[in-house]
Amino acid sequence: MERGLARPYVLDDATLARMKTVFTQTAAVDEWCAGQGRRCAPSSGLTADQRRGVERYQALVECT
């Protein structure tokens, strides 16, 4: 995208609008997923395997 900013004729308005929409939707989904991980983490009813799974999930969500 940065290269496109230097050449305004490369990215049209429709493409930029779609990119903004996708980015906004992705950010909302990422936050929802992070919330899921936070809600599952303190659960005392998890087995050791489930707890490790939640920890892996949280690590993956943090990377996005």
N, C-alpha and C. Protein backbone atom coordinates (compact mmCIF):
# COMPACT_ATOMS: atom_id res chain seq x y z
N MET A 1 0.80 -1.17 0.00
CA MET A 1 0.00 0.00 0.00
C MET A 1 0.86 1.26 0.00
N GLU A 2 1.97 1.22 0.72
CA GLU A 2 2.84 2.40 0.76
C GLU A 2 3.35 2.77 -0.63
N ARG A 3 3.68 1.76 -1.42
CA ARG A 3 4.15 2.06 -2.78
C ARG A 3 3.04 2.70 -3.60
N GLY A 4 1.80 2.31 -3.33
CA GLY A 4 0.67 2.88 -4.05
C GLY A 4 0.43 4.33 -3.70
N LEU A 5 0.76 4.72 -2.48
CA LEU A 5 0.56 6.11 -2.09
C LEU A 5 1.47 7.05 -2.89
N ALA A 6 2.62 6.58 -3.24
CA ALA A 6 3.54 7.39 -4.03
C ALA A 6 3.07 7.51 -5.48
N ARG A 7 2.21 6.58 -5.91
CA ARG A 7 1.67 6.60 -7.28
C ARG A 7 0.14 6.57 -7.19
N PRO A 8 -0.50 7.72 -7.03
CA PRO A 8 -1.93 7.77 -6.78
C PRO A 8 -2.79 7.11 -7.87
N TYR A 9 -2.29 6.93 -9.04
CA TYR A 9 -3.06 6.33 -10.12
C TYR A 9 -3.16 4.80 -9.99
N VAL A 10 -2.41 4.20 -9.07
CA VAL A 10 -2.38 2.75 -8.92
C VAL A 10 -3.59 2.24 -8.13
N LEU A 11 -3.94 2.95 -7.07
CA LEU A 11 -5.06 2.53 -6.22
C LEU A 11 -6.25 3.46 -6.44
N ASP A 12 -7.35 2.91 -6.92
CA ASP A 12 -8.53 3.75 -7.13
C ASP A 12 -9.34 3.86 -5.82
N ASP A 13 -10.32 4.73 -5.83
CA ASP A 13 -11.12 4.97 -4.63
C ASP A 13 -11.84 3.73 -4.14
N ALA A 14 -12.34 2.91 -5.06
CA ALA A 14 -13.07 1.69 -4.68
C ALA A 14 -12.13 0.71 -3.97
N THR A 15 -10.91 0.59 -4.46
CA THR A 15 -9.94 -0.31 -3.84
C THR A 15 -9.59 0.17 -2.44
N LEU A 16 -9.35 1.46 -2.29
CA LEU A 16 -9.03 2.02 -0.97
C LEU A 16 -10.20 1.84 0.00
N ALA A 17 -11.42 2.06 -0.48
CA ALA A 17 -12.60 1.89 0.37
C ALA A 17 -12.73 0.44 0.82
N ARG A 18 -12.51 -0.49 -0.09
CA ARG A 18 -12.59 -1.92 0.27
C ARG A 18 -11.51 -2.29 1.27
N MET A 19 -10.31 -1.77 1.08
CA MET A 19 -9.21 -2.06 2.00
C MET A 19 -9.54 -1.55 3.40
N LYS A 20 -10.11 -0.35 3.50
CA LYS A 20 -10.49 0.21 4.80
C LYS A 20 -11.56 -0.67 5.46
N THR A 21 -12.54 -1.11 4.66
CA THR A 21 -13.61 -1.95 5.20
C THR A 21 -13.06 -3.26 5.72
N VAL A 22 -12.22 -3.92 4.93
CA VAL A 22 -11.65 -5.20 5.34
C VAL A 22 -10.79 -5.03 6.58
N PHE A 23 -9.98 -4.00 6.63
CA PHE A 23 -9.13 -3.76 7.79
C PHE A 23 -9.97 -3.56 9.04
N THR A 24 -11.03 -2.76 8.93
CA THR A 24 -11.91 -2.49 10.08
C THR A 24 -12.58 -3.77 10.55
N GLN A 25 -13.09 -4.57 9.61
CA GLN A 25 -13.74 -5.83 9.97
C GLN A 25 -12.75 -6.79 10.62
N THR A 26 -11.55 -6.86 10.07
CA THR A 26 -10.53 -7.75 10.61
C THR A 26 -10.14 -7.34 12.03
N ALA A 27 -10.01 -6.05 12.26
CA ALA A 27 -9.66 -5.55 13.59
C ALA A 27 -10.75 -5.92 14.59
N ALA A 28 -12.02 -5.83 14.18
CA ALA A 28 -13.12 -6.17 15.08
C ALA A 28 -13.11 -7.67 15.40
N VAL A 29 -12.86 -8.49 14.40
CA VAL A 29 -12.79 -9.94 14.62
C VAL A 29 -11.61 -10.29 15.52
N ASP A 30 -10.47 -9.66 15.29
CA ASP A 30 -9.29 -9.91 16.13
C ASP A 30 -9.58 -9.58 17.59
N GLU A 31 -10.26 -8.46 17.83
CA GLU A 31 -10.58 -8.08 19.20
C GLU A 31 -11.56 -9.07 19.82
N TRP A 32 -12.53 -9.54 19.03
CA TRP A 32 -13.47 -10.53 19.53
C TRP A 32 -12.73 -11.81 19.91
N CYS A 33 -11.81 -12.25 19.06
CA CYS A 33 -11.04 -13.47 19.34
C CYS A 33 -10.19 -13.29 20.60
N ALA A 34 -9.59 -12.14 20.75
CA ALA A 34 -8.78 -11.88 21.94
C ALA A 34 -9.66 -11.94 23.19
N GLY A 35 -10.87 -11.41 23.09
CA GLY A 35 -11.80 -11.45 24.21
C GLY A 35 -12.18 -12.88 24.56
N GLN A 36 -12.36 -13.72 23.55
CA GLN A 36 -12.66 -15.13 23.80
C GLN A 36 -11.53 -15.78 24.60
N GLY A 37 -10.32 -15.51 24.21
CA GLY A 37 -9.16 -16.07 24.92
C GLY A 37 -9.09 -15.59 26.36
N ARG A 38 -9.37 -14.30 26.56
CA ARG A 38 -9.35 -13.74 27.92
C ARG A 38 -10.44 -14.36 28.79
N ARG A 39 -11.60 -14.63 28.20
CA ARG A 39 -12.68 -15.23 28.97
C ARG A 39 -12.41 -16.68 29.32
N CYS A 40 -11.74 -17.41 28.44
CA CYS A 40 -11.46 -18.82 28.69
C CYS A 40 -10.29 -19.02 29.66
N ALA A 41 -9.35 -18.13 29.64
CA ALA A 41 -8.12 -18.30 30.41
C ALA A 41 -8.33 -18.51 31.90
N PRO A 42 -9.16 -17.71 32.57
CA PRO A 42 -9.25 -17.88 34.01
C PRO A 42 -10.14 -19.06 34.44
N SER A 43 -10.73 -19.74 33.50
CA SER A 43 -11.63 -20.84 33.86
C SER A 43 -10.88 -21.93 34.61
N SER A 44 -11.34 -22.23 35.81
CA SER A 44 -10.67 -23.23 36.64
C SER A 44 -11.07 -24.66 36.24
N GLY A 45 -12.10 -24.79 35.41
CA GLY A 45 -12.56 -26.12 35.04
C GLY A 45 -11.83 -26.71 33.84
N LEU A 46 -10.74 -26.10 33.41
CA LEU A 46 -10.01 -26.58 32.25
C LEU A 46 -9.01 -27.67 32.65
N THR A 47 -8.88 -28.64 31.77
CA THR A 47 -7.82 -29.63 31.98
C THR A 47 -6.50 -28.99 31.58
N ALA A 48 -5.40 -29.66 31.87
CA ALA A 48 -4.08 -29.14 31.51
C ALA A 48 -3.96 -28.98 29.99
N ASP A 49 -4.47 -29.94 29.24
CA ASP A 49 -4.43 -29.85 27.78
C ASP A 49 -5.26 -28.68 27.27
N GLN A 50 -6.44 -28.49 27.84
CA GLN A 50 -7.28 -27.38 27.43
C GLN A 50 -6.63 -26.04 27.77
N ARG A 51 -6.01 -25.96 28.94
CA ARG A 51 -5.33 -24.72 29.34
C ARG A 51 -4.20 -24.39 28.37
N ARG A 52 -3.42 -25.42 27.98
CA ARG A 52 -2.35 -25.20 26.99
C ARG A 52 -2.94 -24.75 25.66
N GLY A 53 -4.07 -25.33 25.28
CA GLY A 53 -4.74 -24.93 24.05
C GLY A 53 -5.17 -23.47 24.09
N VAL A 54 -5.72 -23.04 25.21
CA VAL A 54 -6.12 -21.64 25.37
C VAL A 54 -4.88 -20.74 25.31
N GLU A 55 -3.80 -21.16 25.93
CA GLU A 55 -2.56 -20.36 25.89
C GLU A 55 -2.03 -20.25 24.47
N ARG A 56 -2.07 -21.34 23.72
CA ARG A 56 -1.63 -21.30 22.30
C ARG A 56 -2.53 -20.37 21.50
N TYR A 57 -3.84 -20.49 21.74
CA TYR A 57 -4.81 -19.63 21.06
C TYR A 57 -4.53 -18.15 21.34
N GLN A 58 -4.30 -17.83 22.61
CA GLN A 58 -4.01 -16.46 22.98
C GLN A 58 -2.73 -15.96 22.31
N ALA A 59 -1.73 -16.80 22.24
CA ALA A 59 -0.47 -16.41 21.59
C ALA A 59 -0.70 -16.14 20.11
N LEU A 60 -1.52 -16.96 19.46
CA LEU A 60 -1.81 -16.75 18.04
C LEU A 60 -2.58 -15.45 17.82
N VAL A 61 -3.55 -15.19 18.66
CA VAL A 61 -4.35 -13.98 18.51
C VAL A 61 -3.51 -12.74 18.74
N GLU A 62 -2.57 -12.80 19.66
CA GLU A 62 -1.70 -11.65 19.93
C GLU A 62 -0.82 -11.32 18.73
N CYS A 63 -0.52 -12.31 17.90
CA CYS A 63 0.35 -12.11 16.74
C CYS A 63 -0.35 -11.34 15.63
N THR A 64 -1.68 -11.32 15.63
CA THR A 64 -2.38 -10.68 14.52
C THR A 64 -2.53 -9.20 14.72
